[in-house]
């Protein structure tokens, strides 16, 4: 009965072949043990920037893994510069396909490093580069997420203390409509984002949530309508009294 051959250990067969090939003088093995080899004009040449540790293919810092016959795109780890993993697409861009795309922390569009402060951050630009366009934006608002629900009190008084203004953006001289966040913060501080690094005495705002003024306006309209209805009833009573006399 033929003896069963022992299964070689992982990696041992390739190393033994390399040793035999080198000893017979067919080719010259270069580089260190874990470097990937390639055909260099009939000889094995080593690629120092690509190594294999029996589990992972490792690519050295600042080495570009290029794609396309014209080197249209590449992936690299930019150790010398931004210390980022760089994914550079072609002139047509990058397509990410799949049922979803997961980003575990924050993403910047047109901004980088410390300027990325929120889940999605765009630059403070008054043109298209600072805008998001969509059909609708959905906000978590179910009753099961909330406690201590109360109707807004004195909405008219709050509205009267706010100013709707026209202004010009300093960056591009573009006219616009809106609020002054510091003024809104005096009445509705929780919808204003404040600069915690500000060293000045006066509070300095960074941004505000315009949509959260809507409930104030809604209750303000209802309050005014109630006043209008009461005045109508009074006028009606006055007319009826005049007619009877």
Protein backbone atom coordinates (compact mmCIF):
# COMPACT_ATOMS: atom_id res chain seq x y z
CA UNK A 1 0.00 0.00 0.00
CA UNK A 2 1.38 3.34 -1.03
CA UNK A 3 2.39 5.66 1.77
CA UNK A 4 0.34 8.83 2.00
CA UNK A 5 2.32 11.99 1.48
CA UNK A 6 2.28 14.48 4.26
CA UNK A 7 0.60 17.77 3.39
CA UNK A 8 3.24 20.50 3.34
CA UNK A 9 2.90 23.36 5.73
CA UNK A 10 1.47 26.60 4.36
CA UNK A 11 4.16 28.58 2.61
CA UNK A 12 6.80 25.84 2.82
CA UNK A 13 6.27 24.50 -0.73
CA UNK A 14 6.77 27.88 -2.39
CA UNK A 15 9.92 28.52 -0.36
CA UNK A 16 11.29 25.06 -1.26
CA UNK A 17 10.61 25.70 -4.96
CA UNK A 18 12.39 29.04 -4.72
CA UNK A 19 15.38 27.32 -3.12
CA UNK A 20 15.52 24.61 -5.82
CA UNK A 21 15.20 27.14 -8.62
CA UNK A 22 17.93 29.28 -7.12
CA UNK A 23 20.29 26.35 -6.54
CA UNK A 24 19.88 25.08 -10.12
CA UNK A 25 20.85 28.49 -11.45
CA UNK A 26 17.68 29.08 -13.42
CA UNK A 27 16.87 32.46 -11.88
CA UNK A 28 18.17 34.71 -9.18
CA UNK A 29 15.94 35.29 -6.15
CA UNK A 30 16.13 38.87 -4.87
CA UNK A 31 14.65 40.79 -1.98
CA UNK A 32 13.65 39.63 1.50
CA UNK A 33 11.51 36.65 2.47
CA UNK A 34 8.06 38.29 2.44
CA UNK A 35 8.44 40.51 -0.64
CA UNK A 36 6.38 39.78 -3.74
CA UNK A 37 8.45 38.77 -6.80
CA UNK A 38 7.84 39.63 -10.46
CA UNK A 39 9.34 38.69 -13.82
CA UNK A 40 12.17 41.13 -14.45
CA UNK A 41 13.48 40.20 -17.92
CA UNK A 42 13.68 36.51 -17.09
CA UNK A 43 14.80 37.03 -13.51
CA UNK A 44 12.74 37.31 -10.36
CA UNK A 45 12.68 40.88 -9.12
CA UNK A 46 11.39 41.98 -5.74
CA UNK A 47 8.78 44.63 -5.01
CA UNK A 48 9.80 46.20 -1.73
CA UNK A 49 6.54 48.18 -1.41
CA UNK A 50 4.39 45.02 -1.60
CA UNK A 51 4.80 42.29 1.03
CA UNK A 52 2.87 39.14 1.95
CA UNK A 53 2.76 37.82 5.52
CA UNK A 54 0.79 34.61 4.71
CA UNK A 55 -2.41 36.46 5.63
CA UNK A 56 -2.39 40.02 4.32
CA UNK A 57 -1.10 41.82 1.26
CA UNK A 58 0.65 44.89 2.67
CA UNK A 59 1.24 48.04 0.63
CA UNK A 60 3.82 50.56 1.84
CA UNK A 61 3.02 54.18 2.68
CA UNK A 62 2.69 56.66 -0.20
CA UNK A 63 2.52 53.84 -2.77
CA UNK A 64 -0.24 54.19 -5.37
CA UNK A 65 -2.25 51.16 -6.44
CA UNK A 66 -3.28 52.32 -9.91
CA UNK A 67 -6.30 51.25 -11.95
CA UNK A 68 -7.00 51.58 -15.68
CA UNK A 69 -4.77 51.31 -18.72
CA UNK A 70 -4.07 55.04 -18.53
CA UNK A 71 -3.63 55.07 -14.74
CA UNK A 72 -7.01 56.77 -14.47
CA UNK A 73 -7.48 56.18 -10.75
CA UNK A 74 -5.53 55.04 -7.71
CA UNK A 75 -5.67 54.19 -3.99
CA UNK A 76 -2.85 55.10 -1.61
CA UNK A 77 -2.11 55.88 2.02
CA UNK A 78 -0.72 59.43 2.11
CA UNK A 79 1.67 59.21 5.06
CA UNK A 80 3.86 62.16 4.03
CA UNK A 81 0.97 64.53 3.42
CA UNK A 82 -2.52 64.46 4.88
CA UNK A 83 -2.15 61.08 6.63
CA UNK A 84 -5.32 59.96 4.84
CA UNK A 85 -6.28 56.97 2.75
CA UNK A 86 -6.66 58.60 -0.67
CA UNK A 87 -9.12 57.17 -3.21
CA UNK A 88 -8.68 59.13 -6.42
CA UNK A 89 -11.25 58.55 -9.12
CA UNK A 90 -11.08 59.18 -12.83
CA UNK A 91 -12.28 62.34 -14.56
CA UNK A 92 -15.79 60.81 -14.42
CA UNK A 93 -15.67 60.42 -10.63
CA UNK A 94 -16.13 57.43 -8.31
CA UNK A 95 -19.16 55.09 -8.20
CA UNK A 96 -19.95 53.27 -4.94
CA UNK A 97 -22.51 50.54 -5.54
CA UNK A 98 -24.40 48.34 -3.12
CA UNK A 99 -27.52 48.42 -0.99
CA UNK A 100 -26.00 51.05 1.34
CA UNK A 101 -22.81 52.97 2.13
CA UNK A 102 -21.74 53.07 5.79
CA UNK A 103 -19.61 55.88 7.28
CA UNK A 104 -18.88 55.17 10.94
CA UNK A 105 -18.16 58.77 12.03
CA UNK A 106 -18.17 62.01 10.00
CA UNK A 107 -17.93 62.99 6.34
CA UNK A 108 -16.78 66.26 4.78
CA UNK A 109 -17.76 67.44 1.30
CA UNK A 110 -15.39 70.19 0.20
CA UNK A 111 -13.85 70.39 3.69
CA UNK A 112 -11.27 68.27 5.50
CA UNK A 113 -9.56 67.58 8.82
CA UNK A 114 -10.73 69.77 11.74
CA UNK A 115 -13.32 71.52 9.53
CA UNK A 116 -15.39 68.33 9.54
CA UNK A 117 -17.54 68.90 12.64
CA UNK A 118 -20.84 67.09 11.93
CA UNK A 119 -22.04 63.82 10.40
CA UNK A 120 -22.03 65.61 7.02
CA UNK A 121 -20.18 68.94 6.79
CA UNK A 122 -20.14 71.29 3.81
CA UNK A 123 -18.08 74.49 3.47
CA UNK A 124 -19.44 77.86 4.59
CA UNK A 125 -20.05 78.95 1.01
CA UNK A 126 -23.05 80.89 -0.25
CA UNK A 127 -22.94 79.16 -3.65
CA UNK A 128 -23.82 75.59 -4.75
CA UNK A 129 -20.76 74.10 -3.01
CA UNK A 130 -22.31 74.90 0.36
CA UNK A 131 -25.82 73.58 -0.37
CA UNK A 132 -27.61 70.24 -0.18
CA UNK A 133 -30.37 69.48 -2.67
CA UNK A 134 -33.06 66.87 -2.15
CA UNK A 135 -36.77 66.23 -2.56
CA UNK A 136 -37.37 66.22 1.20
CA UNK A 137 -35.57 66.00 4.56
CA UNK A 138 -37.10 63.78 7.21
CA UNK A 139 -36.67 64.56 10.92
CA UNK A 140 -37.13 62.11 13.79
CA UNK A 141 -40.35 63.30 15.45
CA UNK A 142 -42.34 60.35 16.81
CA UNK A 143 -44.12 60.78 20.14
CA UNK A 144 -42.38 57.67 21.44
CA UNK A 145 -39.07 59.57 21.35
CA UNK A 146 -40.33 62.47 23.52
CA UNK A 147 -41.37 63.33 27.07
CA UNK A 148 -42.65 66.48 28.80
CA UNK A 149 -44.63 67.56 25.71
CA UNK A 150 -46.22 71.01 26.19
CA UNK A 151 -47.75 73.64 23.90
CA UNK A 152 -45.42 76.61 23.25
CA UNK A 153 -46.31 79.56 25.46
CA UNK A 154 -46.38 83.23 24.40
CA UNK A 155 -45.38 82.56 20.76
CA UNK A 156 -46.41 86.06 19.65
CA UNK A 157 -44.07 87.62 22.20
CA UNK A 158 -41.20 85.43 20.95
CA UNK A 159 -41.91 86.29 17.32
CA UNK A 160 -42.01 90.02 18.09
CA UNK A 161 -38.52 89.79 19.54
CA UNK A 162 -37.10 88.26 16.35
CA UNK A 163 -36.06 90.09 13.19
CA UNK A 164 -36.36 88.77 9.69
CA UNK A 165 -33.60 90.55 7.78
CA UNK A 166 -32.03 90.94 4.37
CA UNK A 167 -28.25 90.85 4.19
CA UNK A 168 -25.24 90.32 1.93
CA UNK A 169 -22.78 87.46 2.39
CA UNK A 170 -19.25 88.75 2.83
CA UNK A 171 -17.68 85.93 0.84
CA UNK A 172 -19.39 86.57 -2.48
CA UNK A 173 -21.60 89.68 -2.11
CA UNK A 174 -24.71 87.55 -2.61
CA UNK A 175 -28.02 88.94 -1.29
CA UNK A 176 -30.01 86.69 1.04
CA UNK A 177 -32.83 86.53 3.61
CA UNK A 178 -32.71 85.09 7.09
CA UNK A 179 -32.02 85.73 10.77
CA UNK A 180 -29.09 86.80 12.92
CA UNK A 181 -28.25 83.70 14.93
CA UNK A 182 -27.08 85.65 18.00
CA UNK A 183 -30.43 87.48 18.13
CA UNK A 184 -32.38 84.25 17.77
CA UNK A 185 -30.23 82.67 20.49
CA UNK A 186 -31.48 85.23 23.03
CA UNK A 187 -35.02 83.93 22.55
CA UNK A 188 -34.48 80.35 21.40
CA UNK A 189 -30.98 79.31 22.54
CA UNK A 190 -31.45 75.58 21.94
CA UNK A 191 -31.81 76.00 18.16
CA UNK A 192 -28.52 77.92 17.89
CA UNK A 193 -25.10 76.26 17.76
CA UNK A 194 -22.57 78.29 19.73
CA UNK A 195 -18.81 78.59 19.34
CA UNK A 196 -17.44 76.94 22.48
CA UNK A 197 -13.91 78.09 21.62
CA UNK A 198 -14.87 81.75 21.56
CA UNK A 199 -12.72 83.81 23.93
CA UNK A 200 -14.69 87.03 23.50
CA UNK A 201 -17.14 88.24 26.14
CA UNK A 202 -20.12 88.30 23.80
CA UNK A 203 -21.42 84.85 22.78
CA UNK A 204 -20.66 84.01 19.16
CA UNK A 205 -22.96 81.76 17.15
CA UNK A 206 -21.87 79.35 14.42
CA UNK A 207 -25.18 78.27 12.94
CA UNK A 208 -28.86 77.77 13.70
CA UNK A 209 -31.67 75.39 12.78
CA UNK A 210 -34.16 77.41 10.75
CA UNK A 211 -36.76 74.62 10.63
CA UNK A 212 -37.28 74.69 14.41
CA UNK A 213 -38.76 78.17 14.19
CA UNK A 214 -41.76 76.66 12.37
CA UNK A 215 -43.57 75.50 15.56
CA UNK A 216 -43.19 79.00 17.01
CA UNK A 217 -44.74 80.50 13.89
CA UNK A 218 -47.53 77.89 13.89
CA UNK A 219 -48.57 78.63 17.46
CA UNK A 220 -48.21 82.35 16.77
CA UNK A 221 -50.67 82.12 13.86
CA UNK A 222 -53.12 80.13 15.99
CA UNK A 223 -52.85 82.68 18.79
CA UNK A 224 -53.50 85.54 16.40
CA UNK A 225 -56.43 83.70 14.84
CA UNK A 226 -57.95 83.25 18.27
CA UNK A 227 -57.66 86.99 18.86
CA UNK A 228 -59.25 87.66 15.45
CA UNK A 229 -62.13 85.30 16.20
CA UNK A 230 -62.73 87.02 19.57
CA UNK A 231 -62.77 90.43 17.87
CA UNK A 232 -65.25 89.12 15.29
CA UNK A 233 -67.54 87.93 18.08
CA UNK A 234 -67.30 91.32 19.81
CA UNK A 235 -68.07 93.17 16.57
CA UNK A 236 -71.00 90.86 15.92
CA UNK A 237 -72.37 91.51 19.41
CA UNK A 238 -71.98 95.26 18.96
CA UNK A 239 -73.83 95.13 15.62
CA UNK A 240 -76.67 93.12 17.13
CA UNK A 241 -76.97 95.58 20.02
CA UNK A 242 -77.08 98.53 17.61
CA UNK A 243 -79.80 96.89 15.52
CA UNK A 244 -81.96 96.16 18.60
CA UNK A 245 -81.71 99.76 19.78
